[in-house]
Amino acid sequence: MEFTVSQIAGMLGGQVSGDGTQTITMLAKIQDAKKGQIAFLSNPKYEQFIYSTQASAVIVKKDFQPKREVGPALILVDDPYSSFTILLEEYHKLISFQKSGVEQPSFIGSNTTAGNNIYRGAFSYIGNGVSIGNNVKVYPHVFIGDNVTIGDNTILHPNVKLYARSKVGNNCVIHAGTVIGSDGFGFAPQADGTYKTIPQLGNVVIEDNVSIGANTVIDCATLFGDSTIIRKGVKLDNLIQIAHNVEVGQNTVIAAQAGVSGSTKLGEGNVIAGQVGIAGHLEIANKTSIGAQAGISKSIKEEGQKILGYPAFDIKDYFRSYAVFKRLPDLNDRLRTLEKRLDDGMPMHGGGSENGNHTE
């Protein structure tokens, strides 16, 4: 990365205050930045660092008024945090897409086509009848099975495995160790107590702009012609299990160690926290938020719900119930005290009859 301050300001739609000709080669935190680096100031509690930072430039809000002289050039924008995020994205693209060419040893099968500016890392394997778009990066030890389709600008990090007939869209990132298209968990119990394997013949379809974390597994559909589907814009964390015939709605995010059982349909814009378990053959409505370690055993039909617990229910009701649950030991002690008073023949409320404060 090497841009002038003015070029970065143009990229962000901002204005420069100071020397716009300085060269920027790296991004950094405002308190640690050195010459040639750019930082941002969004939280007022970090304002002190703008007067001491060695950064060549700092991204600030348009209405920022320094209390004393600042050394770096300022780039004035509407939202410094979002602007810095844009720079991080651009920097990541530069790093991720800088590789090109073919490293050896690697293998590519017959009737396979690949676009321009491809990178194939050492020990990668690409099967027969594969279609690969432009600017795709296949890192070392990636396996791509027969008749797989991969769109433009997609990155497959080391040790990704794409089983036969998988389809991956444009602008996707699949991180190391992820397996796409492995067998669904299909076994039929037999009369003698054994299990018979049910062949899994479908595939996995991953649409555009999907990010999949490391060591996640997405199983293929059961029947030929059916698909497990990850819709546009989905973001999956590390260590997630998506079972056969699941559909994950667009722009849904799922955190680590969550699991979705077979044939469940997740709506659009869902937020699913870590270690959530979702049973099979359910439907989860759009914009549902599910708290960490929740267990979902029935469909959620109403959009926009926030749920927690096992079995999961409305988050407000959950916290009210939990408030009572935390008091159970104290309530139990009070109940035992009252029972003892009754067993001893003592009045429930101290001293009323003995003091003569009652009428016949």
Protein backbone atom coordinates (compact mmCIF):
# COMPACT_ATOMS: atom_id res chain seq x y z
CA MET A 1 0.00 0.00 0.00
CA GLU A 2 1.43 3.37 -1.02
CA PHE A 3 -0.86 6.37 -1.49
CA THR A 4 -0.64 10.07 -0.79
CA VAL A 5 -2.82 11.65 1.88
CA SER A 6 -4.77 13.44 -0.87
CA GLN A 7 -5.40 10.19 -2.74
CA ILE A 8 -6.74 8.57 0.43
CA ALA A 9 -8.97 11.59 1.08
CA GLY A 10 -10.37 11.26 -2.43
CA MET A 11 -11.04 7.58 -1.87
CA LEU A 12 -12.97 8.41 1.32
CA GLY A 13 -14.75 11.48 0.01
CA GLY A 14 -12.99 13.62 2.61
CA GLN A 15 -11.10 16.91 2.73
CA VAL A 16 -7.44 17.42 3.64
CA SER A 17 -6.22 19.89 6.23
CA GLY A 18 -2.42 20.03 6.08
CA ASP A 19 0.14 18.46 3.75
CA GLY A 20 -1.67 16.17 1.33
CA THR A 21 1.48 15.13 -0.53
CA GLN A 22 2.83 12.86 2.22
CA THR A 23 3.07 9.17 1.37
CA ILE A 24 1.13 6.60 3.44
CA THR A 25 2.31 2.99 3.49
CA MET A 26 0.57 1.50 6.54
CA LEU A 27 -2.43 1.77 8.89
CA ALA A 28 -1.99 1.98 12.66
CA LYS A 29 -3.56 2.92 16.01
CA ILE A 30 -3.31 6.60 16.78
CA GLN A 31 -1.26 6.05 19.96
CA ASP A 32 1.27 3.82 18.18
CA ALA A 33 1.46 5.29 14.68
CA LYS A 34 4.76 6.33 13.09
CA LYS A 35 5.73 8.49 10.14
CA GLY A 36 4.28 7.12 6.91
CA GLN A 37 1.28 5.65 8.71
CA ILE A 38 -2.36 6.74 8.95
CA ALA A 39 -4.65 6.48 12.00
CA PHE A 40 -8.15 7.62 12.93
CA LEU A 41 -9.81 9.46 15.82
CA SER A 42 -13.40 8.52 16.56
CA ASN A 43 -13.68 8.19 20.34
CA PRO A 44 -13.14 11.54 22.19
CA LYS A 45 -11.24 9.81 25.00
CA TYR A 46 -8.37 9.23 22.53
CA GLU A 47 -8.14 12.89 21.51
CA GLN A 48 -5.03 13.33 23.69
CA PHE A 49 -3.06 11.16 21.27
CA ILE A 50 -3.67 13.36 18.26
CA TYR A 51 -1.32 15.95 19.78
CA SER A 52 1.51 13.46 20.32
CA THR A 53 1.10 10.90 17.52
CA GLN A 54 3.86 10.50 14.96
CA ALA A 55 1.35 9.53 12.25
CA SER A 56 1.58 11.35 8.95
CA ALA A 57 -2.21 11.63 8.76
CA VAL A 58 -5.25 11.12 10.98
CA ILE A 59 -8.85 10.65 9.86
CA VAL A 60 -11.17 12.84 11.97
CA LYS A 61 -14.78 13.97 11.98
CA LYS A 62 -15.59 17.03 9.86
CA ASP A 63 -16.47 19.15 12.89
CA PHE A 64 -13.30 18.29 14.85
CA GLN A 65 -11.70 21.38 16.39
CA PRO A 66 -8.21 20.74 17.79
CA LYS A 67 -7.47 22.40 21.13
CA ARG A 68 -3.85 23.02 20.14
CA GLU A 69 -1.53 22.48 17.18
CA VAL A 70 -1.44 19.01 15.60
CA GLY A 71 1.45 17.55 13.63
CA PRO A 72 -0.21 15.17 11.16
CA ALA A 73 -2.36 16.11 8.21
CA LEU A 74 -6.08 15.68 8.92
CA ILE A 75 -8.59 14.01 6.64
CA LEU A 76 -12.04 15.39 7.46
CA VAL A 77 -14.92 12.90 6.94
CA ASP A 78 -18.47 12.26 8.17
CA ASP A 79 -17.63 9.03 10.03
CA PRO A 80 -13.95 8.38 10.87
CA TYR A 81 -14.54 4.79 12.05
CA SER A 82 -16.37 3.77 8.87
CA SER A 83 -13.77 5.52 6.74
CA PHE A 84 -10.93 3.70 8.47
CA THR A 85 -12.81 0.43 7.93
CA ILE A 86 -12.92 1.19 4.20
CA LEU A 87 -9.14 1.61 4.24
CA LEU A 88 -8.72 -1.68 6.08
CA GLU A 89 -10.84 -3.40 3.45
CA GLU A 90 -8.79 -1.92 0.63
CA TYR A 91 -5.54 -2.85 2.35
CA HIS A 92 -6.80 -6.40 2.88
CA LYS A 93 -7.68 -6.67 -0.80
CA LEU A 94 -4.19 -5.56 -1.78
CA ILE A 95 -2.63 -8.20 0.44
CA SER A 96 -5.07 -10.98 -0.48
CA PHE A 97 -4.96 -10.48 -4.24
CA GLN A 98 -1.31 -9.72 -4.78
CA LYS A 99 -0.40 -13.33 -5.55
CA SER A 100 -0.58 -14.66 -9.12
CA GLY A 101 0.84 -17.46 -11.22
CA VAL A 102 1.15 -21.19 -10.65
CA GLU A 103 3.40 -22.81 -8.06
CA GLN A 104 4.62 -26.35 -8.49
CA PRO A 105 3.83 -29.06 -7.79
CA SER A 106 0.11 -28.57 -8.45
CA PHE A 107 -2.50 -30.44 -10.49
CA ILE A 108 -5.28 -29.35 -12.81
CA GLY A 109 -7.63 -31.80 -14.53
CA SER A 110 -9.07 -32.00 -18.03
CA ASN A 111 -11.82 -29.75 -19.39
CA THR A 112 -11.15 -27.22 -16.65
CA THR A 113 -11.22 -23.50 -17.45
CA ALA A 114 -9.71 -20.63 -15.48
CA GLY A 115 -9.95 -16.85 -15.95
CA ASN A 116 -7.30 -14.16 -15.83
CA ASN A 117 -4.88 -13.37 -13.00
CA ILE A 118 -5.29 -16.74 -11.28
CA TYR A 119 -3.10 -17.89 -8.42
CA ARG A 120 -2.64 -21.63 -7.80
CA GLY A 121 -0.54 -22.49 -4.78
CA ALA A 122 1.76 -25.46 -4.41
CA PHE A 123 0.11 -28.86 -3.82
CA SER A 124 -3.32 -27.54 -4.84
CA TYR A 125 -5.56 -29.99 -6.71
CA ILE A 126 -8.19 -28.97 -9.25
CA GLY A 127 -10.34 -31.72 -10.73
CA ASN A 128 -12.02 -32.26 -14.08
CA GLY A 129 -14.65 -29.99 -15.57
CA VAL A 130 -14.02 -27.16 -13.10
CA SER A 131 -14.87 -23.55 -13.99
CA ILE A 132 -12.86 -20.82 -12.25
CA GLY A 133 -13.48 -17.09 -12.76
CA ASN A 134 -11.10 -14.15 -12.94
CA ASN A 135 -8.74 -13.13 -10.14
CA VAL A 136 -9.38 -16.27 -8.06
CA LYS A 137 -6.74 -17.20 -5.49
CA VAL A 138 -6.28 -20.90 -4.70
CA TYR A 139 -3.81 -21.25 -1.84
CA PRO A 140 -1.60 -24.29 -1.16
CA HIS A 141 -3.19 -27.66 -0.37
CA VAL A 142 -6.65 -26.61 -1.57
CA PHE A 143 -8.75 -29.43 -3.05
CA ILE A 144 -11.34 -28.59 -5.72
CA GLY A 145 -13.40 -31.57 -6.84
CA ASP A 146 -14.85 -32.35 -10.27
CA ASN A 147 -17.40 -30.00 -11.84
CA VAL A 148 -17.01 -27.29 -9.22
CA THR A 149 -17.85 -23.68 -10.22
CA ILE A 150 -16.06 -20.70 -8.66
CA GLY A 151 -16.89 -17.05 -9.46
CA ASP A 152 -14.64 -14.01 -9.82
CA ASN A 153 -12.49 -12.53 -7.04
CA THR A 154 -12.92 -15.46 -4.67
CA ILE A 155 -10.19 -16.56 -2.26
CA LEU A 156 -9.72 -20.13 -1.08
CA HIS A 157 -7.27 -20.18 1.81
CA PRO A 158 -4.96 -23.16 2.56
CA ASN A 159 -6.52 -26.60 3.01
CA VAL A 160 -10.01 -25.61 1.88
CA LYS A 161 -11.87 -28.62 0.42
CA LEU A 162 -14.62 -28.20 -2.17
CA TYR A 163 -16.35 -31.49 -2.92
CA ALA A 164 -17.63 -32.30 -6.41
CA ARG A 165 -20.37 -30.10 -7.92
CA SER A 166 -20.06 -27.36 -5.29
CA LYS A 167 -20.82 -23.85 -6.53
CA VAL A 168 -19.14 -20.75 -5.08
CA GLY A 169 -20.08 -17.24 -6.20
CA ASN A 170 -18.20 -13.99 -6.73
CA ASN A 171 -16.23 -12.12 -4.05
CA CYS A 172 -16.29 -14.96 -1.54
CA VAL A 173 -13.64 -15.70 1.08
CA ILE A 174 -13.32 -19.22 2.49
CA HIS A 175 -10.78 -19.60 5.27
CA ALA A 176 -8.36 -22.40 6.04
CA GLY A 177 -9.59 -25.89 6.79
CA THR A 178 -13.20 -25.34 5.74
CA VAL A 179 -14.98 -28.25 4.04
CA ILE A 180 -17.78 -27.60 1.56
CA GLY A 181 -20.01 -30.43 0.30
CA SER A 182 -19.15 -33.27 2.68
CA ASP A 183 -21.80 -35.93 3.37
CA GLY A 184 -24.82 -34.99 5.43
CA PHE A 185 -25.42 -37.00 8.59
CA GLY A 186 -27.76 -39.55 7.00
CA PHE A 187 -28.07 -43.01 8.56
CA ALA A 188 -31.14 -45.26 8.66
CA PRO A 189 -31.57 -47.44 11.80
CA GLN A 190 -31.95 -51.15 11.06
CA ALA A 191 -33.85 -53.89 12.91
CA ASP A 192 -30.63 -55.42 14.21
CA GLY A 193 -29.52 -52.14 15.82
CA THR A 194 -27.07 -51.15 13.10
CA TYR A 195 -27.27 -48.10 10.84
CA LYS A 196 -27.36 -48.08 7.05
CA THR A 197 -25.68 -45.17 5.28
CA ILE A 198 -27.99 -43.01 3.16
CA PRO A 199 -25.99 -41.75 0.15
CA GLN A 200 -25.78 -37.95 -0.01
CA LEU A 201 -26.04 -36.96 -3.68
CA GLY A 202 -26.81 -33.22 -3.69
CA ASN A 203 -24.43 -30.26 -3.58
CA VAL A 204 -23.73 -26.93 -1.86
CA VAL A 205 -24.43 -23.53 -3.42
CA ILE A 206 -22.66 -20.49 -1.97
CA GLU A 207 -23.85 -17.21 -3.46
CA ASP A 208 -21.92 -13.92 -3.84
CA ASN A 209 -20.13 -11.94 -1.11
CA VAL A 210 -20.09 -14.76 1.42
CA SER A 211 -17.37 -15.08 4.06
CA ILE A 212 -16.76 -18.44 5.76
CA GLY A 213 -14.42 -18.80 8.74
CA ALA A 214 -11.80 -21.44 9.40
CA ASN A 215 -12.72 -25.09 9.99
CA THR A 216 -16.40 -24.63 9.20
CA VAL A 217 -18.27 -27.51 7.55
CA ILE A 218 -21.23 -27.23 5.16
CA ASP A 219 -22.80 -30.57 4.19
CA CYS A 220 -24.26 -31.33 0.78
CA ALA A 221 -27.97 -31.94 0.21
CA THR A 222 -29.29 -35.50 0.29
CA LEU A 223 -30.90 -35.88 -3.14
CA PHE A 224 -29.35 -35.25 -6.53
CA GLY A 225 -30.60 -31.88 -7.79
CA ASP A 226 -31.11 -30.47 -4.29
CA SER A 227 -28.73 -28.03 -2.62
CA THR A 228 -27.64 -26.75 0.74
CA ILE A 229 -27.73 -22.99 0.10
CA ILE A 230 -25.81 -20.09 1.63
CA ARG A 231 -27.39 -16.89 0.31
CA LYS A 232 -25.73 -13.59 -0.63
CA GLY A 233 -23.86 -11.65 2.01
CA VAL A 234 -23.86 -14.37 4.68
CA LYS A 235 -20.99 -14.24 7.18
CA LEU A 236 -20.07 -17.46 8.96
CA ASP A 237 -17.55 -17.60 11.80
CA ASN A 238 -15.06 -20.39 12.55
CA LEU A 239 -16.11 -23.87 13.64
CA ILE A 240 -19.71 -23.83 12.43
CA GLN A 241 -21.71 -26.88 11.29
CA ILE A 242 -24.33 -26.39 8.56
CA ALA A 243 -26.15 -29.66 7.88
CA HIS A 244 -27.66 -31.06 4.69
CA ASN A 245 -30.46 -29.18 2.90
CA VAL A 246 -30.16 -26.13 5.17
CA GLU A 247 -30.80 -22.70 3.67
CA VAL A 248 -29.17 -19.67 5.28
CA GLY A 249 -30.92 -16.43 4.27
CA GLN A 250 -29.01 -13.50 2.86
CA ASN A 251 -27.03 -11.19 5.15
CA THR A 252 -27.34 -13.56 8.09
CA VAL A 253 -24.39 -13.74 10.47
CA ILE A 254 -23.55 -16.80 12.60
CA ALA A 255 -20.90 -16.84 15.33
CA ALA A 256 -18.50 -19.65 16.23
CA GLN A 257 -19.49 -23.14 17.34
CA ALA A 258 -23.11 -22.77 16.25
CA GLY A 259 -24.85 -25.69 14.56
CA VAL A 260 -27.85 -25.84 12.22
CA SER A 261 -29.51 -29.24 11.77
CA GLY A 262 -30.80 -30.66 8.49
CA SER A 263 -33.49 -29.04 6.34
CA THR A 264 -33.83 -25.95 8.54
CA LYS A 265 -34.44 -22.62 6.77
CA LEU A 266 -32.94 -19.47 8.28
CA GLY A 267 -34.46 -16.16 7.20
CA GLU A 268 -32.71 -13.00 6.06
CA GLY A 269 -30.76 -10.71 8.37
CA ASN A 270 -30.59 -13.13 11.28
CA VAL A 271 -27.98 -12.71 14.02
CA ILE A 272 -27.02 -16.01 15.63
CA ALA A 273 -24.56 -15.92 18.51
CA GLY A 274 -21.94 -18.47 19.52
CA GLN A 275 -22.76 -22.07 20.46
CA VAL A 276 -26.40 -21.80 19.38
CA GLY A 277 -27.98 -25.12 18.46
CA ILE A 278 -30.90 -25.21 16.00
CA ALA A 279 -32.90 -28.39 15.52
CA GLY A 280 -33.84 -29.78 12.11
CA HIS A 281 -36.81 -29.07 9.82
CA LEU A 282 -37.50 -25.65 11.37
CA GLU A 283 -38.14 -22.20 9.90
CA ILE A 284 -36.57 -19.13 11.48
CA ALA A 285 -38.16 -15.79 10.54
CA ASN A 286 -36.26 -12.80 9.15
CA LYS A 287 -34.29 -10.52 11.49
CA THR A 288 -34.31 -12.98 14.37
CA SER A 289 -31.60 -12.50 17.01
CA ILE A 290 -30.61 -15.59 18.98
CA GLY A 291 -28.42 -15.21 22.07
CA ALA A 292 -25.36 -17.30 22.89
CA GLN A 293 -25.85 -20.99 23.79
CA ALA A 294 -29.57 -20.87 23.03
CA GLY A 295 -31.32 -24.05 21.93
CA ILE A 296 -33.98 -23.70 19.22
CA SER A 297 -36.39 -26.63 19.18
CA LYS A 298 -39.35 -25.11 17.31
CA SER A 299 -39.91 -22.73 14.42
CA ILE A 300 -39.89 -18.97 14.93
CA LYS A 301 -42.63 -17.43 12.81
CA GLU A 302 -42.65 -13.78 13.95
CA GLU A 303 -40.01 -11.48 12.46
CA GLY A 304 -37.64 -9.43 14.59
CA GLN A 305 -37.73 -11.51 17.76
CA LYS A 306 -34.83 -11.60 20.23
CA ILE A 307 -34.65 -14.93 22.05
CA LEU A 308 -32.40 -16.67 24.53
CA GLY A 309 -32.17 -19.81 26.68
CA TYR A 310 -33.05 -23.46 26.25
CA PRO A 311 -35.66 -24.00 25.12
CA ALA A 312 -35.31 -20.46 23.79
CA PHE A 313 -37.96 -17.80 24.37
CA ASP A 314 -38.32 -14.00 24.31
CA ILE A 315 -35.21 -12.36 25.74
CA LYS A 316 -37.15 -9.97 28.04
CA ASP A 317 -39.13 -12.85 29.53
CA TYR A 318 -35.88 -14.79 29.85
CA PHE A 319 -34.21 -12.09 31.95
CA ARG A 320 -37.32 -11.69 34.14
CA SER A 321 -37.34 -15.45 34.70
CA TYR A 322 -33.62 -15.45 35.41
CA ALA A 323 -34.06 -12.71 38.01
CA VAL A 324 -36.46 -15.02 39.86
CA PHE A 325 -34.18 -18.01 39.33
CA LYS A 326 -31.25 -16.21 41.00
CA ARG A 327 -33.43 -15.64 44.09
CA LEU A 328 -34.50 -19.27 44.45
CA PRO A 329 -31.99 -20.14 47.23
CA ASP A 330 -33.19 -17.18 49.30
CA LEU A 331 -36.84 -17.97 48.60
CA ASN A 332 -36.21 -21.60 49.58
CA ASP A 333 -34.65 -20.51 52.90
CA ARG A 334 -37.63 -18.27 53.65
CA LEU A 335 -40.05 -21.08 52.82
CA ARG A 336 -38.23 -23.48 55.17
CA THR A 337 -38.34 -20.85 57.94
CA LEU A 338 -42.09 -20.44 57.51
CA GLU A 339 -42.62 -24.22 57.50
CA LYS A 340 -40.63 -24.55 60.73
CA ARG A 341 -42.70 -21.82 62.41
CA LEU A 342 -45.87 -23.67 61.44
CA ASP A 343 -44.48 -26.99 62.70
CA ASP A 344 -43.57 -25.32 66.03
CA GLY A 345 -47.03 -23.83 66.38
CA MET A 346 -45.79 -20.32 66.03
CA PRO A 347 -47.89 -17.65 64.28
CA MET A 348 -46.99 -16.76 60.73
CA HIS A 349 -46.65 -13.07 61.63
CA GLY A 350 -44.80 -12.25 64.80
CA GLY A 351 -46.78 -11.72 68.04
CA GLY A 352 -50.21 -10.63 66.82
CA SER A 353 -52.46 -12.80 69.08
CA GLU A 354 -50.14 -12.70 72.11
CA ASN A 355 -50.33 -8.91 72.19
CA GLY A 356 -54.11 -9.02 72.15
CA ASN A 357 -54.36 -7.17 68.87
CA HIS A 358 -57.28 -9.19 67.60
CA THR A 359 -61.05 -9.37 68.15
CA GLU A 360 -63.30 -12.33 68.58
